[in-house]
Amino acid sequence: MTSLAEETFALVTQELALPELREEFDEQKAVGLLTQAVRQLLDQNLERFLQICYRVDLSENTLKKILAESPPEQLASDLAQALWDRQKQKIVLRRRYSGTEGSE
């Protein structure tokens, strides 16, 4: 079974078309790639980013809070971490209710 972090990366990759991690998987590197993708979307295609937030089911309150409170230089990383955490939460719930609760 894949780790929770690897499964989360696979789910995020589907939404954002992230490049494959070629070296050993590391959650921090995965969130770094996600941050780059979020930054690019914020700069070039905000509407697509908002659609992704909706599809991922990132709560509107979380999104508004980050947009209002995060310093501009940290905005992309905070949004990326929120997307990561939401996808991770969805996987945990799927595992729990499918009876495959497993490894971290």
N, C-alpha and C. Protein backbone atom coordinates (compact mmCIF):
# COMPACT_ATOMS: atom_id res chain seq x y z
N MET A 1 0.85 -1.18 0.00
CA MET A 1 0.00 0.00 0.00
C MET A 1 0.89 1.24 0.00
N THR A 2 0.49 2.25 -0.77
CA THR A 2 1.26 3.48 -0.79
C THR A 2 1.03 4.26 0.50
N SER A 3 1.99 5.11 0.81
CA SER A 3 1.86 5.92 2.03
C SER A 3 0.79 6.99 1.83
N LEU A 4 0.32 7.52 2.92
CA LEU A 4 -0.68 8.58 2.89
C LEU A 4 -0.15 9.78 2.10
N ALA A 5 1.10 10.15 2.33
CA ALA A 5 1.68 11.29 1.63
C ALA A 5 1.78 11.03 0.13
N GLU A 6 2.18 9.83 -0.26
CA GLU A 6 2.28 9.50 -1.69
C GLU A 6 0.91 9.49 -2.35
N GLU A 7 -0.06 8.97 -1.66
CA GLU A 7 -1.42 8.96 -2.19
C GLU A 7 -1.97 10.38 -2.31
N THR A 8 -1.65 11.22 -1.35
CA THR A 8 -2.05 12.62 -1.40
C THR A 8 -1.41 13.31 -2.60
N PHE A 9 -0.13 13.06 -2.82
CA PHE A 9 0.56 13.66 -3.97
C PHE A 9 -0.09 13.21 -5.27
N ALA A 10 -0.44 11.95 -5.37
CA ALA A 10 -1.10 11.46 -6.58
C ALA A 10 -2.42 12.18 -6.82
N LEU A 11 -3.18 12.41 -5.76
CA LEU A 11 -4.47 13.10 -5.88
C LEU A 11 -4.27 14.56 -6.28
N VAL A 12 -3.30 15.22 -5.67
CA VAL A 12 -3.02 16.61 -6.00
C VAL A 12 -2.50 16.72 -7.42
N THR A 13 -1.69 15.78 -7.83
CA THR A 13 -1.13 15.78 -9.18
C THR A 13 -2.23 15.72 -10.23
N GLN A 14 -3.28 14.96 -9.97
CA GLN A 14 -4.41 14.89 -10.90
C GLN A 14 -5.03 16.27 -11.12
N GLU A 15 -5.18 17.02 -10.05
CA GLU A 15 -5.82 18.33 -10.12
C GLU A 15 -4.93 19.38 -10.77
N LEU A 16 -3.64 19.36 -10.48
CA LEU A 16 -2.75 20.45 -10.88
C LEU A 16 -1.72 20.07 -11.94
N ALA A 17 -1.75 18.86 -12.43
CA ALA A 17 -0.80 18.40 -13.43
C ALA A 17 0.64 18.70 -13.01
N LEU A 18 0.98 18.29 -11.79
CA LEU A 18 2.33 18.49 -11.28
C LEU A 18 3.29 17.50 -11.92
N PRO A 19 4.56 17.87 -12.03
CA PRO A 19 5.54 16.92 -12.56
C PRO A 19 5.77 15.79 -11.57
N GLU A 20 6.18 14.68 -12.09
CA GLU A 20 6.46 13.51 -11.25
C GLU A 20 7.71 13.77 -10.43
N LEU A 21 7.71 13.33 -9.18
CA LEU A 21 8.92 13.43 -8.37
C LEU A 21 9.86 12.31 -8.80
N ARG A 22 11.02 12.67 -9.29
CA ARG A 22 11.94 11.66 -9.82
C ARG A 22 12.84 11.05 -8.75
N GLU A 23 13.12 11.81 -7.72
CA GLU A 23 13.94 11.25 -6.64
C GLU A 23 13.02 10.62 -5.59
N GLU A 24 13.61 10.15 -4.52
CA GLU A 24 12.84 9.51 -3.45
C GLU A 24 11.74 10.46 -2.98
N PHE A 25 10.56 9.91 -2.75
CA PHE A 25 9.42 10.74 -2.37
C PHE A 25 9.66 11.39 -1.02
N ASP A 26 9.29 12.66 -0.95
CA ASP A 26 9.41 13.43 0.28
C ASP A 26 8.23 14.39 0.31
N GLU A 27 7.47 14.36 1.39
CA GLU A 27 6.26 15.20 1.49
C GLU A 27 6.60 16.68 1.35
N GLN A 28 7.69 17.10 1.93
CA GLN A 28 8.09 18.50 1.85
C GLN A 28 8.37 18.92 0.40
N LYS A 29 9.04 18.06 -0.37
CA LYS A 29 9.29 18.35 -1.78
C LYS A 29 7.98 18.41 -2.56
N ALA A 30 7.07 17.51 -2.22
CA ALA A 30 5.77 17.48 -2.91
C ALA A 30 5.00 18.78 -2.65
N VAL A 31 4.99 19.23 -1.42
CA VAL A 31 4.31 20.50 -1.10
C VAL A 31 5.03 21.66 -1.77
N GLY A 32 6.34 21.56 -1.90
CA GLY A 32 7.11 22.59 -2.63
C GLY A 32 6.69 22.68 -4.08
N LEU A 33 6.52 21.53 -4.74
CA LEU A 33 6.04 21.52 -6.12
C LEU A 33 4.63 22.09 -6.21
N LEU A 34 3.81 21.73 -5.26
CA LEU A 34 2.44 22.24 -5.21
C LEU A 34 2.45 23.75 -5.04
N THR A 35 3.34 24.26 -4.20
CA THR A 35 3.45 25.71 -3.99
C THR A 35 3.80 26.42 -5.29
N GLN A 36 4.74 25.86 -6.06
CA GLN A 36 5.11 26.46 -7.34
C GLN A 36 3.91 26.51 -8.28
N ALA A 37 3.15 25.42 -8.33
CA ALA A 37 1.98 25.36 -9.20
C ALA A 37 0.92 26.37 -8.77
N VAL A 38 0.70 26.48 -7.47
CA VAL A 38 -0.28 27.43 -6.94
C VAL A 38 0.17 28.86 -7.27
N ARG A 39 1.43 29.16 -7.07
CA ARG A 39 1.96 30.50 -7.37
C ARG A 39 1.73 30.85 -8.84
N GLN A 40 2.00 29.89 -9.72
CA GLN A 40 1.81 30.13 -11.14
C GLN A 40 0.33 30.36 -11.46
N LEU A 41 -0.55 29.57 -10.86
CA LEU A 41 -1.98 29.76 -11.10
C LEU A 41 -2.46 31.10 -10.56
N LEU A 42 -1.99 31.50 -9.41
CA LEU A 42 -2.38 32.79 -8.85
C LEU A 42 -1.96 33.93 -9.77
N ASP A 43 -0.79 33.79 -10.37
CA ASP A 43 -0.27 34.84 -11.26
C ASP A 43 -0.93 34.83 -12.64
N GLN A 44 -1.29 33.64 -13.13
CA GLN A 44 -1.69 33.54 -14.52
C GLN A 44 -3.15 33.13 -14.76
N ASN A 45 -3.74 32.40 -13.80
CA ASN A 45 -5.08 31.90 -14.06
C ASN A 45 -5.84 31.69 -12.74
N LEU A 46 -6.21 32.77 -12.12
CA LEU A 46 -6.88 32.72 -10.82
C LEU A 46 -8.19 31.94 -10.91
N GLU A 47 -8.91 32.10 -11.99
CA GLU A 47 -10.19 31.39 -12.14
C GLU A 47 -9.98 29.87 -12.08
N ARG A 48 -8.97 29.36 -12.76
CA ARG A 48 -8.68 27.92 -12.72
C ARG A 48 -8.29 27.48 -11.31
N PHE A 49 -7.52 28.31 -10.61
CA PHE A 49 -7.15 27.98 -9.25
C PHE A 49 -8.39 27.87 -8.36
N LEU A 50 -9.31 28.80 -8.50
CA LEU A 50 -10.54 28.77 -7.71
C LEU A 50 -11.39 27.55 -8.05
N GLN A 51 -11.40 27.16 -9.32
CA GLN A 51 -12.11 25.94 -9.71
C GLN A 51 -11.49 24.71 -9.05
N ILE A 52 -10.19 24.67 -8.99
CA ILE A 52 -9.49 23.56 -8.33
C ILE A 52 -9.84 23.53 -6.85
N CYS A 53 -9.85 24.69 -6.21
CA CYS A 53 -10.22 24.75 -4.79
C CYS A 53 -11.62 24.20 -4.59
N TYR A 54 -12.52 24.52 -5.50
CA TYR A 54 -13.89 24.02 -5.41
C TYR A 54 -13.93 22.50 -5.58
N ARG A 55 -13.21 21.99 -6.60
CA ARG A 55 -13.19 20.54 -6.84
C ARG A 55 -12.56 19.77 -5.69
N VAL A 56 -11.52 20.34 -5.11
CA VAL A 56 -10.83 19.70 -3.99
C VAL A 56 -11.68 19.80 -2.73
N ASP A 57 -12.62 20.71 -2.74
CA ASP A 57 -13.52 20.95 -1.61
C ASP A 57 -12.79 21.64 -0.46
N LEU A 58 -11.94 22.59 -0.82
CA LEU A 58 -11.30 23.43 0.18
C LEU A 58 -12.37 24.39 0.68
N SER A 59 -12.56 24.46 1.97
CA SER A 59 -13.66 25.27 2.49
C SER A 59 -13.47 26.74 2.13
N GLU A 60 -14.58 27.38 1.87
CA GLU A 60 -14.56 28.80 1.52
C GLU A 60 -13.97 29.62 2.67
N ASN A 61 -14.29 29.23 3.90
CA ASN A 61 -13.75 29.95 5.06
C ASN A 61 -12.23 29.84 5.13
N THR A 62 -11.71 28.65 4.86
CA THR A 62 -10.25 28.46 4.87
C THR A 62 -9.61 29.33 3.80
N LEU A 63 -10.18 29.31 2.61
CA LEU A 63 -9.65 30.09 1.49
C LEU A 63 -9.67 31.58 1.83
N LYS A 64 -10.80 32.07 2.32
CA LYS A 64 -10.91 33.49 2.66
C LYS A 64 -9.93 33.88 3.76
N LYS A 65 -9.77 33.03 4.75
CA LYS A 65 -8.86 33.32 5.86
C LYS A 65 -7.42 33.44 5.36
N ILE A 66 -7.02 32.51 4.52
CA ILE A 66 -5.65 32.55 3.98
C ILE A 66 -5.46 33.79 3.13
N LEU A 67 -6.42 34.08 2.26
CA LEU A 67 -6.31 35.25 1.39
C LEU A 67 -6.25 36.55 2.20
N ALA A 68 -6.96 36.59 3.32
CA ALA A 68 -7.01 37.80 4.13
C ALA A 68 -5.82 37.95 5.07
N GLU A 69 -5.31 36.83 5.57
CA GLU A 69 -4.32 36.91 6.65
C GLU A 69 -2.89 36.58 6.27
N SER A 70 -2.68 35.86 5.19
CA SER A 70 -1.31 35.47 4.84
C SER A 70 -0.56 36.63 4.21
N PRO A 71 0.70 36.81 4.58
CA PRO A 71 1.51 37.83 3.91
C PRO A 71 1.66 37.45 2.43
N PRO A 72 1.74 38.42 1.54
CA PRO A 72 1.81 38.14 0.10
C PRO A 72 2.89 37.12 -0.29
N GLU A 73 4.05 37.22 0.35
CA GLU A 73 5.15 36.30 -0.02
C GLU A 73 4.91 34.87 0.46
N GLN A 74 3.94 34.69 1.35
CA GLN A 74 3.65 33.36 1.89
C GLN A 74 2.31 32.81 1.39
N LEU A 75 1.60 33.58 0.61
CA LEU A 75 0.26 33.22 0.17
C LEU A 75 0.24 31.88 -0.57
N ALA A 76 1.10 31.71 -1.55
CA ALA A 76 1.10 30.48 -2.35
C ALA A 76 1.41 29.26 -1.49
N SER A 77 2.37 29.38 -0.57
CA SER A 77 2.72 28.22 0.25
C SER A 77 1.60 27.90 1.24
N ASP A 78 0.92 28.92 1.78
CA ASP A 78 -0.20 28.65 2.69
C ASP A 78 -1.37 28.00 1.96
N LEU A 79 -1.65 28.47 0.75
CA LEU A 79 -2.72 27.86 -0.04
C LEU A 79 -2.35 26.42 -0.44
N ALA A 80 -1.10 26.21 -0.82
CA ALA A 80 -0.65 24.87 -1.18
C ALA A 80 -0.77 23.92 0.01
N GLN A 81 -0.38 24.39 1.19
CA GLN A 81 -0.49 23.55 2.38
C GLN A 81 -1.95 23.24 2.69
N ALA A 82 -2.84 24.20 2.51
CA ALA A 82 -4.26 23.97 2.75
C ALA A 82 -4.83 22.94 1.78
N LEU A 83 -4.44 23.04 0.50
CA LEU A 83 -4.88 22.05 -0.49
C LEU A 83 -4.33 20.67 -0.14
N TRP A 84 -3.08 20.62 0.23
CA TRP A 84 -2.44 19.36 0.61
C TRP A 84 -3.17 18.72 1.79
N ASP A 85 -3.42 19.53 2.81
CA ASP A 85 -4.08 19.02 4.01
C ASP A 85 -5.48 18.51 3.70
N ARG A 86 -6.20 19.21 2.83
CA ARG A 86 -7.56 18.79 2.47
C ARG A 86 -7.53 17.47 1.71
N GLN A 87 -6.62 17.32 0.77
CA GLN A 87 -6.53 16.08 0.02
C GLN A 87 -6.14 14.92 0.94
N LYS A 88 -5.24 15.19 1.86
CA LYS A 88 -4.81 14.18 2.82
C LYS A 88 -6.00 13.75 3.68
N GLN A 89 -6.79 14.71 4.12
CA GLN A 89 -7.97 14.43 4.93
C GLN A 89 -8.96 13.55 4.16
N LYS A 90 -9.14 13.82 2.88
CA LYS A 90 -10.06 13.02 2.07
C LYS A 90 -9.59 11.57 1.96
N ILE A 91 -8.30 11.38 1.83
CA ILE A 91 -7.76 10.03 1.73
C ILE A 91 -7.95 9.28 3.04
N VAL A 92 -7.69 9.94 4.15
CA VAL A 92 -7.89 9.32 5.47
C VAL A 92 -9.35 8.87 5.61
N LEU A 93 -10.27 9.74 5.24
CA LEU A 93 -11.69 9.39 5.34
C LEU A 93 -12.05 8.23 4.42
N ARG A 94 -11.53 8.24 3.22
CA ARG A 94 -11.79 7.11 2.29
C ARG A 94 -11.28 5.80 2.86
N ARG A 95 -10.07 5.85 3.39
CA ARG A 95 -9.49 4.63 3.97
C ARG A 95 -10.32 4.15 5.15
N ARG A 96 -10.74 5.08 5.99
CA ARG A 96 -11.50 4.72 7.17
C ARG A 96 -12.82 4.03 6.79
N TYR A 97 -13.51 4.59 5.81
CA TYR A 97 -14.82 4.06 5.47
C TYR A 97 -14.79 2.95 4.44
N SER A 98 -13.63 2.70 3.87
CA SER A 98 -13.52 1.55 2.96
C SER A 98 -12.87 0.37 3.67
N GLY A 99 -12.49 0.58 4.92
CA GLY A 99 -11.91 -0.51 5.69
C GLY A 99 -10.43 -0.73 5.41
N THR A 100 -9.77 0.23 4.74
CA THR A 100 -8.34 0.07 4.44
C THR A 100 -7.50 1.11 5.16
N GLU A 101 -7.93 1.49 6.35
CA GLU A 101 -7.16 2.45 7.14
C GLU A 101 -5.76 1.87 7.31
N GLY A 102 -4.77 2.69 6.96
CA GLY A 102 -3.44 2.07 6.95
C GLY A 102 -2.30 2.98 7.26
N SER A 103 -1.21 2.70 6.63
CA SER A 103 0.08 3.30 6.96
C SER A 103 0.15 4.78 6.63
N GLU A 104 0.98 5.44 7.36
CA GLU A 104 1.24 6.88 7.17
C GLU A 104 2.31 7.02 6.16
